[in-house]
Amino acid sequence: MGGEEKEEMGINLLRRLLHEEKHSGNKLVSLPDDLVQRASIYITTLNARLAKNMELETLKAKESFKSAFHELITHRMRKVLTRASYADLGTDTSDMKGGDLSFYEIVLTHLDAQRRRMDDLLEGRVQMHKDKKVRILKDIPQYIGSDKKTYGPFKKDDVLELPDEELGWLVKNNFAESAE
């Protein structure tokens, strides 16, 4: 943005960028290099106003701004994820820079690792992890596991099968023991 005058940070700028992003197909819209920094300053300004005087209008402005910002970033992330999933077909990344390119590279690394794991499974080089039996040592309320699945509630002396990840922390913290 060489000699151009910067558009004032606010909801109107974000709405314009979001509109452009939504209507640009698979292409990423060029964002100001300092967008995140300017957005952060804008939110800090709104927070300062709210600290002095809790006004509904300012609170709504902050929430609208954050919502538009998150929606803009979410649209961009979807585009990057889509490209990463087709990377082996020669994806064009010329319009990616900064955070978008970093995100793309991280996703691509994880997708490549998952493809290799799946190939190893297909070729029989590794075995699928099987759930293991555990005996519950104390009552455990329902919780969300590391795999984002819901487990429990469990009662003392229940014997059940759980994935390795859940088994590990339950045994380590003396909530369960192996029952095999």
N, C-alpha and C. Protein backbone atom coordinates (compact mmCIF):
# COMPACT_ATOMS: atom_id res chain seq x y z
N MET A 1 0.83 -1.18 0.00
CA MET A 1 0.00 0.00 0.00
C MET A 1 0.88 1.25 0.00
N GLY A 2 1.80 1.34 -0.93
CA GLY A 2 2.79 2.38 -1.03
C GLY A 2 2.32 3.76 -0.62
N GLY A 3 1.99 4.65 -1.63
CA GLY A 3 1.60 6.00 -1.34
C GLY A 3 0.11 6.16 -1.11
N GLU A 4 -0.63 5.08 -1.14
CA GLU A 4 -2.07 5.14 -0.95
C GLU A 4 -2.40 5.53 0.48
N GLU A 5 -3.52 6.26 0.61
CA GLU A 5 -4.00 6.59 1.94
C GLU A 5 -4.70 5.35 2.50
N LYS A 6 -4.41 5.05 3.76
CA LYS A 6 -5.02 3.87 4.38
C LYS A 6 -6.47 4.14 4.72
N GLU A 7 -7.31 3.15 4.39
CA GLU A 7 -8.71 3.23 4.77
C GLU A 7 -8.80 3.08 6.28
N GLU A 8 -9.67 3.88 6.89
CA GLU A 8 -9.81 3.84 8.35
C GLU A 8 -10.27 2.46 8.80
N MET A 9 -9.61 1.96 9.87
CA MET A 9 -9.99 0.66 10.42
C MET A 9 -11.35 0.79 11.07
N GLY A 10 -12.19 -0.19 10.81
CA GLY A 10 -13.52 -0.22 11.40
C GLY A 10 -14.37 -1.28 10.72
N ILE A 11 -15.60 -1.34 11.12
CA ILE A 11 -16.50 -2.36 10.61
C ILE A 11 -16.71 -2.24 9.11
N ASN A 12 -16.71 -1.01 8.57
CA ASN A 12 -16.93 -0.83 7.13
C ASN A 12 -15.80 -1.44 6.31
N LEU A 13 -14.56 -1.25 6.76
CA LEU A 13 -13.42 -1.84 6.07
C LEU A 13 -13.53 -3.37 6.12
N LEU A 14 -13.83 -3.92 7.28
CA LEU A 14 -13.94 -5.37 7.39
C LEU A 14 -15.08 -5.91 6.53
N ARG A 15 -16.20 -5.22 6.53
CA ARG A 15 -17.33 -5.69 5.70
C ARG A 15 -16.97 -5.66 4.22
N ARG A 16 -16.24 -4.62 3.79
CA ARG A 16 -15.82 -4.56 2.39
C ARG A 16 -14.87 -5.71 2.06
N LEU A 17 -13.88 -5.93 2.93
CA LEU A 17 -12.94 -7.03 2.70
C LEU A 17 -13.65 -8.38 2.71
N LEU A 18 -14.59 -8.57 3.63
CA LEU A 18 -15.34 -9.81 3.71
C LEU A 18 -16.16 -10.01 2.45
N HIS A 19 -16.81 -8.95 1.96
CA HIS A 19 -17.59 -9.05 0.72
C HIS A 19 -16.69 -9.45 -0.44
N GLU A 20 -15.53 -8.81 -0.55
CA GLU A 20 -14.58 -9.14 -1.61
C GLU A 20 -14.12 -10.59 -1.49
N GLU A 21 -13.82 -11.01 -0.26
CA GLU A 21 -13.35 -12.39 -0.03
C GLU A 21 -14.41 -13.40 -0.43
N LYS A 22 -15.66 -13.14 -0.07
CA LYS A 22 -16.75 -14.06 -0.39
C LYS A 22 -17.01 -14.16 -1.89
N HIS A 23 -16.71 -13.09 -2.62
CA HIS A 23 -17.04 -13.05 -4.04
C HIS A 23 -15.82 -13.19 -4.94
N SER A 24 -14.72 -13.66 -4.39
CA SER A 24 -13.50 -13.79 -5.19
C SER A 24 -13.22 -15.23 -5.61
N GLY A 25 -14.22 -16.10 -5.50
CA GLY A 25 -14.01 -17.49 -5.86
C GLY A 25 -12.99 -18.13 -4.95
N ASN A 26 -12.04 -18.85 -5.56
CA ASN A 26 -11.00 -19.52 -4.77
C ASN A 26 -9.79 -18.64 -4.52
N LYS A 27 -9.77 -17.45 -5.10
CA LYS A 27 -8.66 -16.52 -4.96
C LYS A 27 -8.73 -15.84 -3.59
N LEU A 28 -7.59 -15.61 -2.98
CA LEU A 28 -7.52 -14.85 -1.73
C LEU A 28 -7.40 -13.37 -2.05
N VAL A 29 -8.21 -12.57 -1.42
CA VAL A 29 -8.17 -11.12 -1.59
C VAL A 29 -6.91 -10.59 -0.91
N SER A 30 -6.27 -9.62 -1.53
CA SER A 30 -5.10 -9.00 -0.92
C SER A 30 -5.54 -8.14 0.27
N LEU A 31 -5.01 -8.46 1.43
CA LEU A 31 -5.34 -7.72 2.65
C LEU A 31 -4.20 -6.77 2.98
N PRO A 32 -4.50 -5.68 3.66
CA PRO A 32 -3.41 -4.80 4.11
C PRO A 32 -2.43 -5.59 4.99
N ASP A 33 -1.14 -5.37 4.80
CA ASP A 33 -0.13 -6.10 5.57
C ASP A 33 -0.30 -5.89 7.07
N ASP A 34 -0.79 -4.74 7.46
CA ASP A 34 -0.92 -4.41 8.88
C ASP A 34 -2.35 -4.59 9.40
N LEU A 35 -3.15 -5.39 8.72
CA LEU A 35 -4.56 -5.55 9.10
C LEU A 35 -4.73 -6.01 10.54
N VAL A 36 -4.01 -7.05 10.93
CA VAL A 36 -4.17 -7.59 12.28
C VAL A 36 -3.72 -6.56 13.31
N GLN A 37 -2.62 -5.90 13.05
CA GLN A 37 -2.13 -4.88 13.98
C GLN A 37 -3.15 -3.75 14.12
N ARG A 38 -3.67 -3.27 13.01
CA ARG A 38 -4.66 -2.19 13.04
C ARG A 38 -5.95 -2.65 13.71
N ALA A 39 -6.35 -3.89 13.47
CA ALA A 39 -7.56 -4.42 14.11
C ALA A 39 -7.37 -4.50 15.61
N SER A 40 -6.19 -4.92 16.04
CA SER A 40 -5.89 -5.00 17.46
C SER A 40 -5.94 -3.62 18.11
N ILE A 41 -5.39 -2.63 17.46
CA ILE A 41 -5.42 -1.26 17.97
C ILE A 41 -6.86 -0.77 18.06
N TYR A 42 -7.66 -1.09 17.05
CA TYR A 42 -9.05 -0.68 17.05
C TYR A 42 -9.80 -1.30 18.23
N ILE A 43 -9.59 -2.61 18.46
CA ILE A 43 -10.24 -3.29 19.59
C ILE A 43 -9.77 -2.70 20.92
N THR A 44 -8.48 -2.40 21.02
CA THR A 44 -7.94 -1.79 22.23
C THR A 44 -8.61 -0.43 22.49
N THR A 45 -8.82 0.33 21.42
CA THR A 45 -9.50 1.63 21.54
C THR A 45 -10.93 1.44 22.05
N LEU A 46 -11.64 0.46 21.48
CA LEU A 46 -13.01 0.18 21.93
C LEU A 46 -13.02 -0.28 23.38
N ASN A 47 -12.06 -1.12 23.76
CA ASN A 47 -11.98 -1.58 25.15
C ASN A 47 -11.74 -0.41 26.11
N ALA A 48 -10.90 0.54 25.70
CA ALA A 48 -10.64 1.71 26.54
C ALA A 48 -11.92 2.53 26.72
N ARG A 49 -12.67 2.69 25.62
CA ARG A 49 -13.95 3.40 25.71
C ARG A 49 -14.90 2.67 26.66
N LEU A 50 -14.93 1.35 26.55
CA LEU A 50 -15.82 0.56 27.42
C LEU A 50 -15.39 0.63 28.88
N ALA A 51 -14.09 0.72 29.12
CA ALA A 51 -13.60 0.81 30.50
C ALA A 51 -14.03 2.13 31.14
N LYS A 52 -14.09 3.18 30.34
CA LYS A 52 -14.51 4.49 30.86
C LYS A 52 -16.01 4.56 31.03
N ASN A 53 -16.73 4.00 30.05
CA ASN A 53 -18.19 4.12 30.07
C ASN A 53 -18.78 2.94 29.29
N MET A 54 -19.43 2.04 29.97
CA MET A 54 -20.01 0.86 29.35
C MET A 54 -21.24 1.26 28.53
N GLU A 55 -21.02 1.55 27.24
CA GLU A 55 -22.11 1.95 26.36
C GLU A 55 -22.48 0.79 25.46
N LEU A 56 -23.77 0.58 25.32
CA LEU A 56 -24.27 -0.51 24.48
C LEU A 56 -23.80 -0.37 23.04
N GLU A 57 -23.78 0.85 22.54
CA GLU A 57 -23.36 1.09 21.15
C GLU A 57 -21.91 0.66 20.93
N THR A 58 -21.03 0.99 21.87
CA THR A 58 -19.62 0.61 21.76
C THR A 58 -19.45 -0.90 21.89
N LEU A 59 -20.19 -1.48 22.80
CA LEU A 59 -20.14 -2.94 22.98
C LEU A 59 -20.60 -3.65 21.71
N LYS A 60 -21.68 -3.17 21.11
CA LYS A 60 -22.17 -3.76 19.86
C LYS A 60 -21.15 -3.58 18.73
N ALA A 61 -20.52 -2.40 18.68
CA ALA A 61 -19.51 -2.14 17.66
C ALA A 61 -18.35 -3.12 17.79
N LYS A 62 -17.92 -3.36 19.03
CA LYS A 62 -16.82 -4.29 19.27
C LYS A 62 -17.20 -5.70 18.84
N GLU A 63 -18.38 -6.15 19.24
CA GLU A 63 -18.82 -7.52 18.90
C GLU A 63 -19.02 -7.68 17.40
N SER A 64 -19.58 -6.66 16.74
CA SER A 64 -19.77 -6.71 15.29
C SER A 64 -18.42 -6.78 14.57
N PHE A 65 -17.47 -5.97 15.05
CA PHE A 65 -16.14 -5.94 14.46
C PHE A 65 -15.46 -7.31 14.60
N LYS A 66 -15.49 -7.85 15.82
CA LYS A 66 -14.86 -9.16 16.05
C LYS A 66 -15.54 -10.24 15.22
N SER A 67 -16.85 -10.20 15.11
CA SER A 67 -17.58 -11.19 14.33
C SER A 67 -17.18 -11.12 12.85
N ALA A 68 -17.12 -9.91 12.31
CA ALA A 68 -16.72 -9.74 10.91
C ALA A 68 -15.28 -10.18 10.70
N PHE A 69 -14.40 -9.85 11.65
CA PHE A 69 -12.99 -10.25 11.54
C PHE A 69 -12.88 -11.78 11.52
N HIS A 70 -13.57 -12.44 12.45
CA HIS A 70 -13.52 -13.90 12.51
C HIS A 70 -14.10 -14.52 11.24
N GLU A 71 -15.16 -13.94 10.72
CA GLU A 71 -15.77 -14.47 9.50
C GLU A 71 -14.80 -14.33 8.32
N LEU A 72 -14.13 -13.19 8.23
CA LEU A 72 -13.14 -12.97 7.18
C LEU A 72 -12.03 -14.01 7.26
N ILE A 73 -11.49 -14.20 8.44
CA ILE A 73 -10.39 -15.17 8.62
C ILE A 73 -10.88 -16.58 8.35
N THR A 74 -12.10 -16.91 8.76
CA THR A 74 -12.65 -18.25 8.52
C THR A 74 -12.78 -18.52 7.02
N HIS A 75 -13.25 -17.54 6.26
CA HIS A 75 -13.35 -17.72 4.81
C HIS A 75 -11.98 -17.97 4.20
N ARG A 76 -11.01 -17.22 4.64
CA ARG A 76 -9.65 -17.40 4.12
C ARG A 76 -9.10 -18.77 4.49
N MET A 77 -9.35 -19.20 5.73
CA MET A 77 -8.86 -20.51 6.17
C MET A 77 -9.49 -21.62 5.34
N ARG A 78 -10.77 -21.50 5.02
CA ARG A 78 -11.42 -22.52 4.18
C ARG A 78 -10.76 -22.61 2.82
N LYS A 79 -10.46 -21.46 2.24
CA LYS A 79 -9.81 -21.46 0.93
C LYS A 79 -8.43 -22.11 1.02
N VAL A 80 -7.69 -21.77 2.07
CA VAL A 80 -6.35 -22.35 2.25
C VAL A 80 -6.45 -23.86 2.46
N LEU A 81 -7.40 -24.30 3.29
CA LEU A 81 -7.59 -25.73 3.52
C LEU A 81 -7.93 -26.47 2.24
N THR A 82 -8.80 -25.88 1.44
CA THR A 82 -9.18 -26.50 0.17
C THR A 82 -7.96 -26.64 -0.73
N ARG A 83 -7.17 -25.59 -0.80
CA ARG A 83 -5.96 -25.67 -1.64
C ARG A 83 -4.98 -26.70 -1.13
N ALA A 84 -4.82 -26.75 0.18
CA ALA A 84 -3.88 -27.72 0.76
C ALA A 84 -4.32 -29.14 0.46
N SER A 85 -5.63 -29.38 0.46
CA SER A 85 -6.11 -30.74 0.20
C SER A 85 -5.88 -31.15 -1.24
N TYR A 86 -5.67 -30.18 -2.14
CA TYR A 86 -5.38 -30.48 -3.54
C TYR A 86 -3.95 -30.13 -3.92
N ALA A 87 -3.08 -29.99 -2.95
CA ALA A 87 -1.72 -29.53 -3.19
C ALA A 87 -0.95 -30.42 -4.16
N ASP A 88 -1.24 -31.73 -4.14
CA ASP A 88 -0.51 -32.63 -5.02
C ASP A 88 -0.88 -32.41 -6.49
N LEU A 89 -1.88 -31.58 -6.76
CA LEU A 89 -2.27 -31.26 -8.13
C LEU A 89 -1.64 -29.96 -8.61
N GLY A 90 -0.70 -29.42 -7.84
CA GLY A 90 0.00 -28.21 -8.24
C GLY A 90 -0.75 -26.94 -7.90
N THR A 91 -1.05 -26.75 -6.64
CA THR A 91 -1.80 -25.59 -6.17
C THR A 91 -0.99 -24.31 -6.33
N ASP A 92 -1.66 -23.26 -6.82
CA ASP A 92 -1.05 -21.94 -6.95
C ASP A 92 -1.14 -21.23 -5.60
N THR A 93 -0.02 -20.85 -5.04
CA THR A 93 0.00 -20.15 -3.75
C THR A 93 0.50 -18.71 -3.90
N SER A 94 0.52 -18.20 -5.14
CA SER A 94 1.10 -16.87 -5.38
C SER A 94 0.35 -15.75 -4.66
N ASP A 95 -0.93 -15.96 -4.34
CA ASP A 95 -1.68 -14.91 -3.64
C ASP A 95 -1.65 -15.08 -2.12
N MET A 96 -0.88 -16.05 -1.63
CA MET A 96 -0.76 -16.26 -0.19
C MET A 96 0.50 -15.59 0.32
N LYS A 97 0.37 -15.00 1.49
CA LYS A 97 1.54 -14.42 2.16
C LYS A 97 1.29 -14.45 3.65
N GLY A 98 2.33 -14.23 4.42
CA GLY A 98 2.20 -14.12 5.87
C GLY A 98 1.49 -15.30 6.51
N GLY A 99 0.47 -14.97 7.28
CA GLY A 99 -0.27 -15.98 8.04
C GLY A 99 -0.96 -17.01 7.16
N ASP A 100 -1.48 -16.58 5.99
CA ASP A 100 -2.14 -17.53 5.10
C ASP A 100 -1.16 -18.59 4.61
N LEU A 101 0.02 -18.15 4.20
CA LEU A 101 1.02 -19.09 3.70
C LEU A 101 1.53 -20.00 4.82
N SER A 102 1.74 -19.45 6.00
CA SER A 102 2.17 -20.28 7.14
C SER A 102 1.12 -21.33 7.47
N PHE A 103 -0.15 -20.92 7.50
CA PHE A 103 -1.24 -21.85 7.78
C PHE A 103 -1.28 -22.95 6.71
N TYR A 104 -1.15 -22.56 5.46
CA TYR A 104 -1.14 -23.51 4.34
C TYR A 104 -0.03 -24.55 4.54
N GLU A 105 1.17 -24.08 4.86
CA GLU A 105 2.31 -24.98 5.02
C GLU A 105 2.11 -25.93 6.20
N ILE A 106 1.54 -25.44 7.30
CA ILE A 106 1.27 -26.30 8.47
C ILE A 106 0.24 -27.36 8.10
N VAL A 107 -0.85 -26.94 7.45
CA VAL A 107 -1.89 -27.89 7.06
C VAL A 107 -1.32 -28.91 6.09
N LEU A 108 -0.55 -28.44 5.13
CA LEU A 108 0.04 -29.34 4.14
C LEU A 108 0.94 -30.38 4.80
N THR A 109 1.71 -29.97 5.80
CA THR A 109 2.57 -30.90 6.53
C THR A 109 1.73 -31.98 7.21
N HIS A 110 0.64 -31.57 7.86
CA HIS A 110 -0.22 -32.54 8.55
C HIS A 110 -0.96 -33.44 7.57
N LEU A 111 -1.42 -32.88 6.45
CA LEU A 111 -2.09 -33.71 5.44
C LEU A 111 -1.13 -34.73 4.85
N ASP A 112 0.09 -34.30 4.58
CA ASP A 112 1.09 -35.24 4.04
C ASP A 112 1.38 -36.36 5.04
N ALA A 113 1.51 -36.01 6.32
CA ALA A 113 1.76 -37.03 7.35
C ALA A 113 0.59 -38.00 7.42
N GLN A 114 -0.63 -37.49 7.34
CA GLN A 114 -1.81 -38.36 7.39
C GLN A 114 -1.86 -39.27 6.16
N ARG A 115 -1.51 -38.75 5.00
CA ARG A 115 -1.49 -39.57 3.78
C ARG A 115 -0.46 -40.70 3.93
N ARG A 116 0.70 -40.36 4.50
CA ARG A 116 1.72 -41.40 4.71
C ARG A 116 1.24 -42.46 5.70
N ARG A 117 0.56 -42.03 6.78
CA ARG A 117 0.02 -42.99 7.76
C ARG A 117 -1.01 -43.91 7.11
N MET A 118 -1.86 -43.33 6.29
CA MET A 118 -2.88 -44.14 5.62
C MET A 118 -2.22 -45.13 4.66
N ASP A 119 -1.18 -44.69 3.97
CA ASP A 119 -0.46 -45.59 3.07
C ASP A 119 0.20 -46.71 3.86
N ASP A 120 0.78 -46.37 5.02
CA ASP A 120 1.39 -47.40 5.88
C ASP A 120 0.35 -48.41 6.34
N LEU A 121 -0.84 -47.94 6.68
CA LEU A 121 -1.92 -48.86 7.08
C LEU A 121 -2.31 -49.77 5.93
N LEU A 122 -2.46 -49.17 4.75
CA LEU A 122 -2.85 -49.97 3.58
C LEU A 122 -1.81 -51.02 3.23
N GLU A 123 -0.55 -50.65 3.39
CA GLU A 123 0.54 -51.57 3.05
C GLU A 123 0.86 -52.54 4.19
N GLY A 124 0.18 -52.41 5.33
CA GLY A 124 0.39 -53.31 6.45
C GLY A 124 1.66 -53.03 7.23
N ARG A 125 2.25 -51.84 7.05
CA ARG A 125 3.49 -51.51 7.77
C ARG A 125 3.21 -51.14 9.21
N VAL A 126 1.98 -50.74 9.53
CA VAL A 126 1.57 -50.44 10.90
C VAL A 126 0.18 -51.00 11.11
N GLN A 127 -0.18 -51.19 12.35
CA GLN A 127 -1.49 -51.72 12.70
C GLN A 127 -2.35 -50.62 13.29
N MET A 128 -3.64 -50.73 13.09
CA MET A 128 -4.57 -49.79 13.72
C MET A 128 -4.50 -50.00 15.22
N HIS A 129 -4.58 -48.91 15.98
CA HIS A 129 -4.64 -49.02 17.43
C HIS A 129 -5.99 -49.57 17.82
N LYS A 130 -5.97 -50.53 18.70
CA LYS A 130 -7.22 -51.08 19.22
C LYS A 130 -7.47 -50.47 20.59
N ASP A 131 -8.75 -50.35 20.92
CA ASP A 131 -9.10 -49.89 22.26
C ASP A 131 -8.62 -50.94 23.26
N LYS A 132 -8.25 -50.48 24.44
CA LYS A 132 -7.78 -51.39 25.50
C LYS A 132 -8.75 -51.33 26.66
N LYS A 133 -8.84 -52.46 27.37
CA LYS A 133 -9.74 -52.54 28.52
C LYS A 133 -9.07 -51.93 29.75
N VAL A 134 -9.89 -51.19 30.50
CA VAL A 134 -9.44 -50.60 31.76
C VAL A 134 -10.49 -50.83 32.83
N ARG A 135 -10.03 -50.83 34.06
CA ARG A 135 -10.92 -50.89 35.22
C ARG A 135 -10.88 -49.52 35.87
N ILE A 136 -12.03 -48.94 36.06
CA ILE A 136 -12.13 -47.61 36.65
C ILE A 136 -11.94 -47.73 38.16
N LEU A 137 -11.06 -46.90 38.73
CA LEU A 137 -10.72 -46.96 40.15
C LEU A 137 -11.53 -45.99 41.01
N LYS A 138 -12.10 -44.96 40.41
CA LYS A 138 -12.94 -43.99 41.13
C LYS A 138 -14.01 -43.48 40.17
N ASP A 139 -15.08 -42.99 40.74
CA ASP A 139 -16.13 -42.41 39.91
C ASP A 139 -15.55 -41.24 39.11
N ILE A 140 -15.93 -41.18 37.82
CA ILE A 140 -15.46 -40.12 36.93
C ILE A 140 -16.67 -39.51 36.24
N PRO A 141 -16.84 -38.20 36.35
CA PRO A 141 -17.96 -37.56 35.65
C PRO A 141 -17.71 -37.55 34.14
N GLN A 142 -18.74 -37.26 33.39
CA GLN A 142 -18.62 -37.17 31.93
C GLN A 142 -17.60 -36.08 31.59
N TYR A 143 -16.78 -36.31 30.53
CA TYR A 143 -15.79 -35.33 30.11
C TYR A 143 -15.57 -35.45 28.60
N ILE A 144 -14.92 -34.44 28.04
CA ILE A 144 -14.56 -34.43 26.62
C ILE A 144 -13.11 -34.85 26.52
N GLY A 145 -12.84 -35.90 25.73
CA GLY A 145 -11.49 -36.41 25.57
C GLY A 145 -10.67 -35.60 24.59
N SER A 146 -9.39 -35.96 24.46
CA SER A 146 -8.49 -35.24 23.56
C SER A 146 -8.92 -35.38 22.10
N ASP A 147 -9.73 -36.39 21.81
CA ASP A 147 -10.25 -36.60 20.46
C ASP A 147 -11.58 -35.89 20.24
N LYS A 148 -11.97 -35.06 21.21
CA LYS A 148 -13.21 -34.27 21.18
C LYS A 148 -14.47 -35.12 21.32
N LYS A 149 -14.33 -36.37 21.69
CA LYS A 149 -15.48 -37.24 21.95
C LYS A 149 -15.84 -37.17 23.43
N THR A 150 -17.09 -37.44 23.72
CA THR A 150 -17.56 -37.43 25.10
C THR A 150 -17.38 -38.83 25.72
N TYR A 151 -16.81 -38.86 26.92
CA TYR A 151 -16.62 -40.11 27.65
C TYR A 151 -17.29 -40.00 29.01
N GLY A 152 -17.73 -41.16 29.52
CA GLY A 152 -18.32 -41.22 30.85
C GLY A 152 -19.78 -40.83 30.84
N PRO A 153 -20.32 -40.69 32.03
CA PRO A 153 -19.66 -40.87 33.33
C PRO A 153 -19.35 -42.34 33.58
N PHE A 154 -18.31 -42.58 34.39
CA PHE A 154 -17.91 -43.93 34.74
C PHE A 154 -18.03 -44.11 36.25
N LYS A 155 -18.33 -45.33 36.66
CA LYS A 155 -18.43 -45.68 38.08
C LYS A 155 -17.25 -46.56 38.46
N LYS A 156 -16.87 -46.49 39.73
CA LYS A 156 -15.80 -47.33 40.25
C LYS A 156 -16.09 -48.78 39.92
N ASP A 157 -15.04 -49.51 39.47
CA ASP A 157 -15.06 -50.92 39.12
C ASP A 157 -15.68 -51.21 37.75
N ASP A 158 -16.11 -50.17 37.00
CA ASP A 158 -16.54 -50.40 35.62
C ASP A 158 -15.34 -50.93 34.84
N VAL A 159 -15.57 -51.88 33.95
CA VAL A 159 -14.54 -52.36 33.03
C VAL A 159 -15.02 -52.01 31.64
N LEU A 160 -14.17 -51.29 30.90
CA LEU A 160 -14.59 -50.83 29.59
C LEU A 160 -13.40 -50.68 28.67
N GLU A 161 -13.67 -50.49 27.40
CA GLU A 161 -12.61 -50.30 26.41
C GLU A 161 -12.50 -48.82 26.08
N LEU A 162 -11.27 -48.34 26.07
CA LEU A 162 -11.01 -46.94 25.75
C LEU A 162 -9.82 -46.84 24.80
N PRO A 163 -9.77 -45.77 24.01
CA PRO A 163 -8.60 -45.55 23.15
C PRO A 163 -7.35 -45.30 23.99
N ASP A 164 -6.18 -45.55 23.40
CA ASP A 164 -4.90 -45.38 24.08
C ASP A 164 -4.75 -44.01 24.73
N GLU A 165 -5.16 -42.94 24.01
CA GLU A 165 -4.98 -41.59 24.54
C GLU A 165 -5.73 -41.40 25.86
N GLU A 166 -6.95 -41.92 25.93
CA GLU A 166 -7.74 -41.78 27.15
C GLU A 166 -7.18 -42.68 28.24
N LEU A 167 -6.81 -43.89 27.88
CA LEU A 167 -6.25 -44.84 28.84
C LEU A 167 -5.01 -44.25 29.51
N GLY A 168 -4.14 -43.62 28.71
CA GLY A 168 -2.88 -43.09 29.24
C GLY A 168 -3.07 -42.11 30.37
N TRP A 169 -3.89 -41.10 30.17
CA TRP A 169 -4.02 -40.09 31.23
C TRP A 169 -4.83 -40.61 32.41
N LEU A 170 -5.79 -41.53 32.16
CA LEU A 170 -6.56 -42.09 33.27
C LEU A 170 -5.67 -42.93 34.19
N VAL A 171 -4.80 -43.74 33.59
CA VAL A 171 -3.91 -44.59 34.38
C VAL A 171 -2.87 -43.70 35.09
N LYS A 172 -2.30 -42.74 34.37
CA LYS A 172 -1.28 -41.87 34.93
C LYS A 172 -1.79 -41.11 36.16
N ASN A 173 -3.06 -40.74 36.14
CA ASN A 173 -3.65 -39.97 37.22
C ASN A 173 -4.44 -40.83 38.22
N ASN A 174 -4.21 -42.15 38.16
CA ASN A 174 -4.81 -43.11 39.08
C ASN A 174 -6.34 -43.13 39.08
N PHE A 175 -6.91 -42.91 37.89
CA PHE A 175 -8.36 -43.05 37.75
C PHE A 175 -8.73 -44.42 37.21
N ALA A 176 -7.74 -45.12 36.62
CA ALA A 176 -8.01 -46.44 36.03
C ALA A 176 -6.72 -47.26 36.01
N GLU A 177 -6.92 -48.57 35.78
CA GLU A 177 -5.79 -49.47 35.61
C GLU A 177 -6.12 -50.41 34.47
N SER A 178 -5.09 -50.94 33.86
CA SER A 178 -5.30 -51.87 32.75
C SER A 178 -6.05 -53.09 33.26
N ALA A 179 -6.98 -53.57 32.45
CA ALA A 179 -7.76 -54.75 32.83
C ALA A 179 -7.45 -55.91 31.89
N GLU A 180 -6.36 -55.84 31.17
CA GLU A 180 -6.01 -56.90 30.22
C GLU A 180 -5.00 -57.84 30.81
